[in-house]
N, C-alpha and C. Protein backbone atom coordinates (compact mmCIF):
# COMPACT_ATOMS: atom_id res chain seq x y z
N UNK A 1 69.71 89.97 95.05
CA UNK A 1 70.51 91.11 95.46
C UNK A 1 71.20 90.76 96.78
N UNK A 2 72.49 91.03 96.87
CA UNK A 2 73.25 90.68 98.05
C UNK A 2 73.34 91.81 99.06
N UNK A 3 73.98 91.52 100.15
CA UNK A 3 74.14 92.48 101.24
C UNK A 3 74.84 93.75 100.76
N UNK A 4 75.96 93.59 100.05
CA UNK A 4 76.68 94.77 99.57
C UNK A 4 75.81 95.61 98.64
N UNK A 5 75.02 94.97 97.79
CA UNK A 5 74.13 95.70 96.89
C UNK A 5 73.06 96.47 97.66
N UNK A 6 72.51 95.84 98.69
CA UNK A 6 71.49 96.51 99.52
C UNK A 6 72.08 97.74 100.21
N UNK A 7 73.28 97.60 100.74
CA UNK A 7 73.93 98.72 101.43
C UNK A 7 74.26 99.82 100.42
N UNK A 8 74.77 99.45 99.26
CA UNK A 8 75.11 100.45 98.23
C UNK A 8 73.85 101.24 97.83
N UNK A 9 72.72 100.55 97.68
CA UNK A 9 71.47 101.23 97.35
C UNK A 9 71.10 102.27 98.42
N UNK A 10 71.21 101.86 99.69
CA UNK A 10 70.93 102.80 100.79
C UNK A 10 71.88 103.99 100.77
N UNK A 11 73.16 103.73 100.56
CA UNK A 11 74.15 104.81 100.54
C UNK A 11 73.85 105.80 99.44
N UNK A 12 73.48 105.31 98.27
CA UNK A 12 73.18 106.20 97.14
C UNK A 12 71.91 107.00 97.38
N UNK A 13 70.94 106.41 98.07
CA UNK A 13 69.65 107.04 98.27
C UNK A 13 69.62 107.99 99.46
N UNK A 14 70.38 107.66 100.54
CA UNK A 14 70.25 108.47 101.75
C UNK A 14 71.56 108.77 102.45
N UNK A 15 72.68 108.27 101.91
CA UNK A 15 73.97 108.59 102.50
C UNK A 15 74.37 107.73 103.67
N UNK A 16 73.50 106.82 104.08
CA UNK A 16 73.83 105.92 105.19
C UNK A 16 73.05 104.62 105.04
N UNK A 17 73.47 103.63 105.80
CA UNK A 17 72.75 102.37 105.90
C UNK A 17 72.96 101.87 107.32
N UNK A 18 72.02 101.10 107.82
CA UNK A 18 72.16 100.57 109.17
C UNK A 18 71.46 99.23 109.29
N UNK A 19 71.87 98.50 110.31
CA UNK A 19 71.25 97.23 110.63
C UNK A 19 71.29 97.03 112.13
N UNK A 20 70.56 96.05 112.60
CA UNK A 20 70.54 95.70 114.03
C UNK A 20 71.00 94.27 114.16
N UNK A 21 71.97 94.05 115.02
CA UNK A 21 72.40 92.69 115.33
C UNK A 21 73.19 92.68 116.62
N UNK A 22 73.08 91.60 117.35
CA UNK A 22 73.91 91.38 118.54
C UNK A 22 75.05 90.42 118.22
N UNK A 23 75.05 89.87 117.03
CA UNK A 23 76.04 88.89 116.60
C UNK A 23 77.31 89.61 116.11
N UNK A 24 78.42 89.42 116.82
CA UNK A 24 79.66 90.11 116.48
C UNK A 24 80.17 89.75 115.08
N UNK A 25 80.08 88.49 114.71
CA UNK A 25 80.55 88.06 113.39
C UNK A 25 79.72 88.70 112.28
N UNK A 26 78.40 88.75 112.48
CA UNK A 26 77.53 89.37 111.49
C UNK A 26 77.80 90.88 111.39
N UNK A 27 78.01 91.53 112.52
CA UNK A 27 78.32 92.96 112.51
C UNK A 27 79.62 93.22 111.76
N UNK A 28 80.63 92.39 111.98
CA UNK A 28 81.91 92.53 111.29
C UNK A 28 81.72 92.35 109.78
N UNK A 29 80.94 91.34 109.38
CA UNK A 29 80.69 91.08 107.95
C UNK A 29 79.90 92.23 107.33
N UNK A 30 78.92 92.76 108.05
CA UNK A 30 78.10 93.86 107.55
C UNK A 30 78.96 95.10 107.33
N UNK A 31 79.84 95.41 108.31
CA UNK A 31 80.71 96.59 108.18
C UNK A 31 81.67 96.42 107.01
N UNK A 32 82.19 95.21 106.80
CA UNK A 32 83.07 94.95 105.65
C UNK A 32 82.31 95.14 104.34
N UNK A 33 81.07 94.70 104.30
CA UNK A 33 80.24 94.88 103.10
C UNK A 33 79.96 96.36 102.86
N UNK A 34 79.76 97.11 103.92
CA UNK A 34 79.53 98.56 103.78
C UNK A 34 80.76 99.26 103.23
N UNK A 35 81.95 98.87 103.70
CA UNK A 35 83.17 99.47 103.18
C UNK A 35 83.36 99.11 101.71
N UNK A 36 83.03 97.87 101.33
CA UNK A 36 83.14 97.46 99.93
C UNK A 36 82.14 98.22 99.06
N UNK A 37 80.94 98.45 99.56
CA UNK A 37 79.93 99.21 98.82
C UNK A 37 80.41 100.64 98.59
N UNK A 38 80.99 101.25 99.60
CA UNK A 38 81.50 102.62 99.46
C UNK A 38 82.67 102.67 98.47
N UNK A 39 83.55 101.67 98.53
CA UNK A 39 84.66 101.62 97.56
C UNK A 39 84.12 101.55 96.14
N UNK A 40 83.09 100.74 95.93
CA UNK A 40 82.49 100.61 94.60
C UNK A 40 81.90 101.94 94.12
N UNK A 41 81.44 102.76 95.06
CA UNK A 41 80.91 104.08 94.72
C UNK A 41 82.00 105.15 94.65
N UNK A 42 83.21 104.78 95.08
CA UNK A 42 84.30 105.76 95.11
C UNK A 42 84.10 106.82 96.17
N UNK A 43 83.49 106.44 97.30
CA UNK A 43 83.14 107.41 98.35
C UNK A 43 83.78 107.01 99.68
N UNK A 44 84.16 108.01 100.48
CA UNK A 44 84.68 107.72 101.82
C UNK A 44 83.54 107.37 102.77
N UNK A 45 83.80 106.44 103.69
CA UNK A 45 82.75 105.97 104.60
C UNK A 45 83.29 105.81 106.00
N UNK A 46 82.39 105.90 106.95
CA UNK A 46 82.72 105.60 108.35
C UNK A 46 81.70 104.59 108.84
N UNK A 47 82.18 103.53 109.47
CA UNK A 47 81.26 102.55 110.05
C UNK A 47 81.44 102.56 111.56
N UNK A 48 80.32 102.43 112.26
CA UNK A 48 80.35 102.42 113.72
C UNK A 48 79.36 101.39 114.23
N UNK A 49 79.56 101.03 115.48
CA UNK A 49 78.62 100.12 116.14
C UNK A 49 78.38 100.62 117.55
N UNK A 50 77.11 100.68 117.92
CA UNK A 50 76.72 101.05 119.27
C UNK A 50 75.67 100.06 119.73
N UNK A 51 76.08 99.12 120.55
CA UNK A 51 75.17 98.07 120.98
C UNK A 51 74.76 97.22 119.80
N UNK A 52 73.46 97.13 119.56
CA UNK A 52 72.95 96.31 118.47
C UNK A 52 72.87 97.07 117.14
N UNK A 53 73.11 98.37 117.16
CA UNK A 53 73.01 99.19 115.94
C UNK A 53 74.37 99.25 115.26
N UNK A 54 74.39 98.90 113.97
CA UNK A 54 75.60 99.00 113.15
C UNK A 54 75.27 99.99 112.04
N UNK A 55 76.10 101.02 111.91
CA UNK A 55 75.82 102.13 111.01
C UNK A 55 76.99 102.37 110.07
N UNK A 56 76.69 102.65 108.82
CA UNK A 56 77.68 103.07 107.83
C UNK A 56 77.18 104.38 107.23
N UNK A 57 78.04 105.41 107.24
CA UNK A 57 77.64 106.73 106.76
C UNK A 57 78.71 107.28 105.84
N UNK A 58 78.29 107.77 104.67
CA UNK A 58 79.23 108.40 103.76
C UNK A 58 79.75 109.68 104.39
N UNK A 59 81.05 109.85 104.41
CA UNK A 59 81.65 111.03 105.04
C UNK A 59 81.40 112.30 104.24
N UNK A 60 81.20 112.16 102.92
CA UNK A 60 81.04 113.35 102.08
C UNK A 60 79.60 113.61 101.66
N UNK A 61 78.63 112.98 102.33
CA UNK A 61 77.21 113.19 101.99
C UNK A 61 76.72 114.48 102.59
N UNK A 62 76.03 115.32 101.90
CA UNK A 62 75.73 115.29 100.47
C UNK A 62 76.89 115.87 99.66
N UNK A 63 77.19 115.22 98.55
CA UNK A 63 78.35 115.61 97.73
C UNK A 63 77.95 116.39 96.49
N UNK A 64 76.67 116.47 96.20
CA UNK A 64 76.25 117.21 95.00
C UNK A 64 74.83 117.74 95.21
N UNK A 65 74.33 118.44 94.21
CA UNK A 65 73.02 119.09 94.32
C UNK A 65 71.88 118.09 94.51
N UNK A 66 71.92 116.98 93.79
CA UNK A 66 70.86 115.98 93.92
C UNK A 66 70.85 115.38 95.33
N UNK A 67 72.02 115.04 95.86
CA UNK A 67 72.07 114.50 97.22
C UNK A 67 71.60 115.52 98.25
N UNK A 68 71.92 116.80 98.02
CA UNK A 68 71.45 117.85 98.93
C UNK A 68 69.93 117.91 98.90
N UNK A 69 69.34 117.80 97.72
CA UNK A 69 67.89 117.83 97.60
C UNK A 69 67.26 116.60 98.27
N UNK A 70 67.83 115.43 98.05
CA UNK A 70 67.34 114.22 98.70
C UNK A 70 67.39 114.37 100.22
N UNK A 71 68.49 114.89 100.72
CA UNK A 71 68.67 115.08 102.16
C UNK A 71 67.61 116.03 102.71
N UNK A 72 67.37 117.12 102.01
CA UNK A 72 66.38 118.11 102.44
C UNK A 72 64.97 117.52 102.43
N UNK A 73 64.63 116.78 101.39
CA UNK A 73 63.32 116.16 101.28
C UNK A 73 63.11 115.14 102.39
N UNK A 74 64.11 114.30 102.64
CA UNK A 74 63.99 113.28 103.69
C UNK A 74 63.84 113.93 105.06
N UNK A 75 64.58 114.98 105.31
CA UNK A 75 64.46 115.68 106.59
C UNK A 75 63.08 116.32 106.73
N UNK A 76 62.60 116.96 105.68
CA UNK A 76 61.27 117.58 105.71
C UNK A 76 60.18 116.55 105.97
N UNK A 77 60.27 115.41 105.29
CA UNK A 77 59.27 114.36 105.49
C UNK A 77 59.31 113.83 106.92
N UNK A 78 60.49 113.65 107.46
CA UNK A 78 60.61 113.16 108.84
C UNK A 78 60.02 114.16 109.82
N UNK A 79 60.28 115.44 109.60
CA UNK A 79 59.74 116.47 110.49
C UNK A 79 58.23 116.55 110.39
N UNK A 80 57.69 116.47 109.18
CA UNK A 80 56.23 116.51 109.02
C UNK A 80 55.58 115.32 109.73
N UNK A 81 56.16 114.15 109.57
CA UNK A 81 55.61 112.95 110.22
C UNK A 81 55.66 113.09 111.74
N UNK A 82 56.76 113.62 112.26
CA UNK A 82 56.90 113.78 113.71
C UNK A 82 55.87 114.78 114.24
N UNK A 83 55.70 115.90 113.55
CA UNK A 83 54.74 116.91 113.99
C UNK A 83 53.31 116.38 113.90
N UNK A 84 53.02 115.55 112.92
CA UNK A 84 51.68 115.00 112.76
C UNK A 84 51.31 114.09 113.93
N UNK A 85 52.30 113.51 114.60
CA UNK A 85 52.04 112.62 115.73
C UNK A 85 51.95 113.37 117.06
N UNK A 86 52.16 114.67 117.06
CA UNK A 86 52.09 115.45 118.30
C UNK A 86 50.66 115.94 118.49
N UNK A 87 49.90 115.37 119.42
CA UNK A 87 48.47 115.65 119.52
C UNK A 87 48.11 117.07 119.95
N UNK A 88 48.94 117.73 120.70
CA UNK A 88 48.56 119.05 121.23
C UNK A 88 49.32 120.20 120.59
N UNK A 89 49.94 119.96 119.47
CA UNK A 89 50.70 121.01 118.80
C UNK A 89 49.78 121.80 117.89
N UNK A 90 49.55 123.09 118.18
CA UNK A 90 48.65 123.86 117.32
C UNK A 90 49.31 124.11 115.95
N UNK A 91 48.46 124.19 114.94
CA UNK A 91 48.97 124.54 113.61
C UNK A 91 48.35 125.87 113.20
N UNK A 92 48.59 126.29 112.00
CA UNK A 92 48.11 127.60 111.55
C UNK A 92 46.59 127.65 111.43
N UNK A 93 45.93 126.52 111.30
CA UNK A 93 44.47 126.50 111.17
C UNK A 93 43.77 126.47 112.52
N UNK A 94 44.50 126.46 113.61
CA UNK A 94 43.90 126.45 114.93
C UNK A 94 43.52 125.07 115.42
N UNK A 95 43.76 124.03 114.63
CA UNK A 95 43.46 122.67 115.05
C UNK A 95 44.73 122.03 115.59
N UNK A 96 44.56 120.99 116.39
CA UNK A 96 45.75 120.25 116.80
C UNK A 96 46.25 119.44 115.62
N UNK A 97 47.52 119.08 115.66
CA UNK A 97 48.11 118.34 114.56
C UNK A 97 47.40 117.01 114.35
N UNK A 98 46.86 116.41 115.42
CA UNK A 98 46.19 115.12 115.27
C UNK A 98 44.86 115.26 114.55
N UNK A 99 44.29 116.48 114.51
CA UNK A 99 43.01 116.69 113.85
C UNK A 99 43.18 116.95 112.35
N UNK A 100 44.39 117.11 111.91
CA UNK A 100 44.63 117.37 110.49
C UNK A 100 44.97 116.09 109.77
N UNK A 101 44.87 116.12 108.46
CA UNK A 101 45.24 114.95 107.66
C UNK A 101 46.74 114.73 107.74
N UNK A 102 47.18 113.48 107.56
CA UNK A 102 48.62 113.22 107.54
C UNK A 102 49.27 114.02 106.41
N UNK A 103 50.51 114.45 106.61
CA UNK A 103 51.17 115.27 105.60
C UNK A 103 51.44 114.47 104.33
N UNK A 104 51.40 115.17 103.22
CA UNK A 104 51.76 114.56 101.95
C UNK A 104 53.28 114.59 101.83
N UNK A 105 53.91 113.44 101.61
CA UNK A 105 55.37 113.44 101.50
C UNK A 105 55.85 114.32 100.36
N UNK A 106 56.93 115.01 100.59
CA UNK A 106 57.57 115.81 99.55
C UNK A 106 58.44 114.88 98.74
N UNK A 107 58.44 115.02 97.46
CA UNK A 107 59.26 114.19 96.58
C UNK A 107 60.33 115.05 95.93
N UNK A 108 61.51 114.49 95.69
CA UNK A 108 62.55 115.25 94.97
C UNK A 108 62.04 115.63 93.59
N UNK A 109 62.48 116.79 93.11
CA UNK A 109 62.07 117.19 91.77
C UNK A 109 62.69 116.24 90.75
N UNK A 110 62.05 116.11 89.62
CA UNK A 110 62.51 115.16 88.61
C UNK A 110 63.34 115.82 87.53
N UNK A 111 63.80 117.04 87.76
CA UNK A 111 64.56 117.74 86.73
C UNK A 111 66.06 117.53 86.86
N UNK A 112 66.50 116.49 87.57
CA UNK A 112 67.94 116.20 87.70
C UNK A 112 68.32 115.12 86.75
């Protein structure tokens, strides 16, 4: 699987892809691959670079109900993981978040 394929997979799954590099030539090649991946999907994209971070994000994400559900699930999972790492945050059971079990990740429904 090549670079463009990897980026296309990320774009389809989460609406963005990113990499880290300080190499200008590699960053340029990565951004070109991201634009080619978006063209193959027929989607508009924006690529940016800030220091070592190179980011490609679909401009129209989420574009449909499945992408909206994926976006919601990913956000919920990220929030649960962040709250689980906060040691002094009380929860509804009166225990700190660190005393509870790690959250079970939410999965997209399979009826799409």
